[in-house]
Amino acid sequence: MARRRVWLGFGLLAAALGSLQSGPAAGAEGDAFNGRLLFAQCRLCHSLKAGETKVGPSLHGLFGRRAGAVDGFDYSPGMKDAGIVWDEASLDAFLKRPKAVIPGTKMVYGGLGRAEDRADLIAYMKQALKK
């Protein structure tokens, strides 16, 4: 149990330090390490594994996929009809304010306001989804 607390404390410290970055180092490329920490929020509902559906659809194959296109997942009409193909820019906008980008989405996440955090999360997802 103590070991788990140490790792949790380290993760929170790393996330805090990562969010203090500014300028080009925390810019569009993103920090995949910090993104991995941020993905803990996403992992509650989404998996990066193909075919593994949780509350939300699998994110495997996300980049280049049309929104609302994972077979077998019950998407909202808004998501199915959004006409979005996921790339860095569309994902950034969606992560910032999901309900503003796709009104009626079932996703209950309020959004990730900091541009640096969104860039970090996207960098991690791109890296993790290449494997």
C-alpha atoms as a PDB file:
ATOM      1  CA  MET A   1       0.000   0.000   0.000  1.00  0.00           C
ATOM      2  CA  ALA A   2       2.825   2.417   0.849  1.00  0.00           C
ATOM      3  CA  ARG A   3       4.430   1.682  -2.521  1.00  0.00           C
ATOM      4  CA  ARG A   4       1.192   2.593  -4.285  1.00  0.00           C
ATOM      5  CA  ARG A   5       1.023   5.906  -2.396  1.00  0.00           C
ATOM      6  CA  VAL A   6       4.598   6.722  -3.431  1.00  0.00           C
ATOM      7  CA  TRP A   7       3.793   6.107  -7.118  1.00  0.00           C
ATOM      8  CA  LEU A   8       0.560   8.070  -6.862  1.00  0.00           C
ATOM      9  CA  GLY A   9       2.429  10.937  -5.182  1.00  0.00           C
ATOM     10  CA  PHE A  10       5.123  10.815  -7.868  1.00  0.00           C
ATOM     11  CA  GLY A  11       2.480  10.839 -10.609  1.00  0.00           C
ATOM     12  CA  LEU A  12       0.715  13.832  -9.119  1.00  0.00           C
ATOM     13  CA  LEU A  13       4.017  15.665  -8.679  1.00  0.00           C
ATOM     14  CA  ALA A  14       5.018  14.902 -12.274  1.00  0.00           C
ATOM     15  CA  ALA A  15       1.636  16.092 -13.545  1.00  0.00           C
ATOM     16  CA  ALA A  16       1.932  19.286 -11.529  1.00  0.00           C
ATOM     17  CA  LEU A  17       5.452  19.965 -12.767  1.00  0.00           C
ATOM     18  CA  GLY A  18       4.446  19.175 -16.334  1.00  0.00           C
ATOM     19  CA  SER A  19       1.563  21.607 -16.173  1.00  0.00           C
ATOM     20  CA  LEU A  20       3.932  24.392 -15.080  1.00  0.00           C
ATOM     21  CA  GLN A  21       5.764  24.270 -18.400  1.00  0.00           C
ATOM     22  CA  SER A  22       5.191  27.063 -20.843  1.00  0.00           C
ATOM     23  CA  GLY A  23       6.464  28.115 -24.235  1.00  0.00           C
ATOM     24  CA  PRO A  24       7.639  25.929 -27.090  1.00  0.00           C
ATOM     25  CA  ALA A  25       8.676  22.971 -24.924  1.00  0.00           C
ATOM     26  CA  ALA A  26       5.053  22.474 -23.896  1.00  0.00           C
ATOM     27  CA  GLY A  27       3.677  23.493 -27.286  1.00  0.00           C
ATOM     28  CA  ALA A  28       2.010  21.633 -30.093  1.00  0.00           C
ATOM     29  CA  GLU A  29       4.211  18.528 -29.910  1.00  0.00           C
ATOM     30  CA  GLY A  30       3.187  17.754 -26.350  1.00  0.00           C
ATOM     31  CA  ASP A  31       4.809  15.748 -23.596  1.00  0.00           C
ATOM     32  CA  ALA A  32       3.714  12.118 -23.877  1.00  0.00           C
ATOM     33  CA  PHE A  33       4.804  11.370 -20.290  1.00  0.00           C
ATOM     34  CA  ASN A  34       2.461  14.010 -18.891  1.00  0.00           C
ATOM     35  CA  GLY A  35      -0.169  12.872 -21.385  1.00  0.00           C
ATOM     36  CA  ARG A  36       0.028   9.360 -19.973  1.00  0.00           C
ATOM     37  CA  LEU A  37      -0.753  10.755 -16.525  1.00  0.00           C
ATOM     38  CA  LEU A  38      -3.641  12.771 -17.934  1.00  0.00           C
ATOM     39  CA  PHE A  39      -5.011   9.708 -19.742  1.00  0.00           C
ATOM     40  CA  ALA A  40      -5.837   8.212 -16.336  1.00  0.00           C
ATOM     41  CA  GLN A  41      -9.029  10.303 -16.503  1.00  0.00           C
ATOM     42  CA  CYS A  42      -9.893   8.856 -19.932  1.00  0.00           C
ATOM     43  CA  ARG A  43      -9.043   5.283 -18.953  1.00  0.00           C
ATOM     44  CA  LEU A  44     -12.076   5.171 -16.671  1.00  0.00           C
ATOM     45  CA  CYS A  45     -14.306   5.032 -19.771  1.00  0.00           C
ATOM     46  CA  HIS A  46     -12.010   4.319 -22.745  1.00  0.00           C
ATOM     47  CA  SER A  47      -9.468   1.686 -23.694  1.00  0.00           C
ATOM     48  CA  LEU A  48      -6.636   1.928 -26.192  1.00  0.00           C
ATOM     49  CA  LYS A  49      -7.011  -1.781 -27.026  1.00  0.00           C
ATOM     50  CA  ALA A  50      -8.837  -2.854 -30.153  1.00  0.00           C
ATOM     51  CA  GLY A  51     -12.317  -4.161 -29.436  1.00  0.00           C
ATOM     52  CA  GLU A  52     -12.270  -3.329 -25.727  1.00  0.00           C
ATOM     53  CA  THR A  53     -15.410  -1.295 -25.091  1.00  0.00           C
ATOM     54  CA  LYS A  54     -16.055   0.217 -21.680  1.00  0.00           C
ATOM     55  CA  VAL A  55     -18.543   2.998 -20.935  1.00  0.00           C
ATOM     56  CA  GLY A  56     -17.064   4.661 -24.031  1.00  0.00           C
ATOM     57  CA  PRO A  57     -15.746   3.113 -27.237  1.00  0.00           C
ATOM     58  CA  SER A  58     -12.222   1.849 -27.744  1.00  0.00           C
ATOM     59  CA  LEU A  59      -9.875   4.578 -28.932  1.00  0.00           C
ATOM     60  CA  HIS A  60      -7.780   2.089 -30.905  1.00  0.00           C
ATOM     61  CA  GLY A  61      -7.497   3.365 -34.483  1.00  0.00           C
ATOM     62  CA  LEU A  62      -8.867   6.774 -33.488  1.00  0.00           C
ATOM     63  CA  PHE A  63      -6.676   8.945 -35.729  1.00  0.00           C
ATOM     64  CA  GLY A  64      -8.137   8.990 -39.223  1.00  0.00           C
ATOM     65  CA  ARG A  65     -11.423   7.393 -38.116  1.00  0.00           C
ATOM     66  CA  ARG A  66     -14.806   9.040 -38.589  1.00  0.00           C
ATOM     67  CA  ALA A  67     -16.531  10.045 -35.335  1.00  0.00           C
ATOM     68  CA  GLY A  68     -19.186   7.574 -34.252  1.00  0.00           C
ATOM     69  CA  ALA A  69     -17.790   4.708 -36.312  1.00  0.00           C
ATOM     70  CA  VAL A  70     -16.788   1.956 -33.850  1.00  0.00           C
ATOM     71  CA  ASP A  71     -18.985  -1.038 -34.687  1.00  0.00           C
ATOM     72  CA  GLY A  72     -21.251  -2.149 -31.877  1.00  0.00           C
ATOM     73  CA  PHE A  73     -21.043   1.036 -29.805  1.00  0.00           C
ATOM     74  CA  ASP A  74     -24.276   2.932 -29.143  1.00  0.00           C
ATOM     75  CA  TYR A  75     -23.308   6.502 -30.078  1.00  0.00           C
ATOM     76  CA  SER A  76     -25.491   9.552 -29.696  1.00  0.00           C
ATOM     77  CA  PRO A  77     -27.093  10.811 -32.914  1.00  0.00           C
ATOM     78  CA  GLY A  78     -24.900  13.927 -32.616  1.00  0.00           C
ATOM     79  CA  MET A  79     -21.710  11.857 -32.616  1.00  0.00           C
ATOM     80  CA  LYS A  80     -22.868   9.663 -35.511  1.00  0.00           C
ATOM     81  CA  ASP A  81     -23.823  12.696 -37.599  1.00  0.00           C
ATOM     82  CA  ALA A  82     -20.893  14.946 -36.640  1.00  0.00           C
ATOM     83  CA  GLY A  83     -18.988  14.396 -39.884  1.00  0.00           C
ATOM     84  CA  ILE A  84     -15.680  14.675 -38.018  1.00  0.00           C
ATOM     85  CA  VAL A  85     -12.626  12.632 -38.937  1.00  0.00           C
ATOM     86  CA  TRP A  86     -10.370  12.488 -35.884  1.00  0.00           C
ATOM     87  CA  ASP A  87      -6.997  14.157 -36.235  1.00  0.00           C
ATOM     88  CA  GLU A  88      -4.952  16.293 -33.856  1.00  0.00           C
ATOM     89  CA  ALA A  89      -6.942  19.465 -34.537  1.00  0.00           C
ATOM     90  CA  SER A  90     -10.416  17.925 -34.258  1.00  0.00           C
ATOM     91  CA  LEU A  91      -9.445  15.968 -31.160  1.00  0.00           C
ATOM     92  CA  ASP A  92      -7.951  19.098 -29.571  1.00  0.00           C
ATOM     93  CA  ALA A  93     -11.192  21.030 -30.137  1.00  0.00           C
ATOM     94  CA  PHE A  94     -13.309  18.141 -28.838  1.00  0.00           C
ATOM     95  CA  LEU A  95     -11.184  17.619 -25.729  1.00  0.00           C
ATOM     96  CA  LYS A  96     -11.405  21.324 -24.941  1.00  0.00           C
ATOM     97  CA  ARG A  97     -15.228  21.470 -24.995  1.00  0.00           C
ATOM     98  CA  PRO A  98     -16.862  18.185 -26.048  1.00  0.00           C
ATOM     99  CA  LYS A  99     -20.463  19.370 -25.867  1.00  0.00           C
ATOM    100  CA  ALA A 100     -19.710  22.536 -27.838  1.00  0.00           C
ATOM    101  CA  VAL A 101     -18.098  20.557 -30.676  1.00  0.00           C
ATOM    102  CA  ILE A 102     -20.672  17.749 -30.716  1.00  0.00           C
ATOM    103  CA  PRO A 103     -23.936  18.857 -29.116  1.00  0.00           C
ATOM    104  CA  GLY A 104     -25.779  15.921 -27.586  1.00  0.00           C
ATOM    105  CA  THR A 105     -22.687  13.772 -27.124  1.00  0.00           C
ATOM    106  CA  LYS A 106     -23.123  11.126 -24.433  1.00  0.00           C
ATOM    107  CA  MET A 107     -19.629  11.841 -23.138  1.00  0.00           C
ATOM    108  CA  VAL A 108     -20.045  13.370 -19.687  1.00  0.00           C
ATOM    109  CA  TYR A 109     -16.529  14.825 -19.595  1.00  0.00           C
ATOM    110  CA  GLY A 110     -16.535  18.604 -19.208  1.00  0.00           C
ATOM    111  CA  GLY A 111     -13.325  19.242 -21.110  1.00  0.00           C
ATOM    112  CA  LEU A 112      -9.620  19.850 -20.687  1.00  0.00           C
ATOM    113  CA  GLY A 113      -9.084  23.601 -20.655  1.00  0.00           C
ATOM    114  CA  ARG A 114      -5.294  23.913 -20.824  1.00  0.00           C
ATOM    115  CA  ALA A 115      -3.909  23.761 -24.363  1.00  0.00           C
ATOM    116  CA  GLU A 116      -0.633  22.278 -23.049  1.00  0.00           C
ATOM    117  CA  ASP A 117      -2.491  19.440 -21.335  1.00  0.00           C
ATOM    118  CA  ARG A 118      -4.474  18.684 -24.488  1.00  0.00           C
ATOM    119  CA  ALA A 119      -1.258  18.630 -26.537  1.00  0.00           C
ATOM    120  CA  ASP A 120       0.309  16.281 -23.968  1.00  0.00           C
ATOM    121  CA  LEU A 121      -2.713  13.966 -23.990  1.00  0.00           C
ATOM    122  CA  ILE A 122      -2.792  13.850 -27.790  1.00  0.00           C
ATOM    123  CA  ALA A 123       0.980  13.173 -27.913  1.00  0.00           C
ATOM    124  CA  TYR A 124       0.514  10.240 -25.530  1.00  0.00           C
ATOM    125  CA  MET A 125      -2.429   8.847 -27.485  1.00  0.00           C
ATOM    126  CA  LYS A 126      -0.523   9.058 -30.780  1.00  0.00           C
ATOM    127  CA  GLN A 127       2.438   7.278 -29.210  1.00  0.00           C
ATOM    128  CA  ALA A 128       0.365   4.621 -27.430  1.00  0.00           C
ATOM    129  CA  LEU A 129      -1.802   3.899 -30.456  1.00  0.00           C
ATOM    130  CA  LYS A 130       1.241   3.258 -32.701  1.00  0.00           C
ATOM    131  CA  LYS A 131       2.139   0.156 -30.689  1.00  0.00           C
END
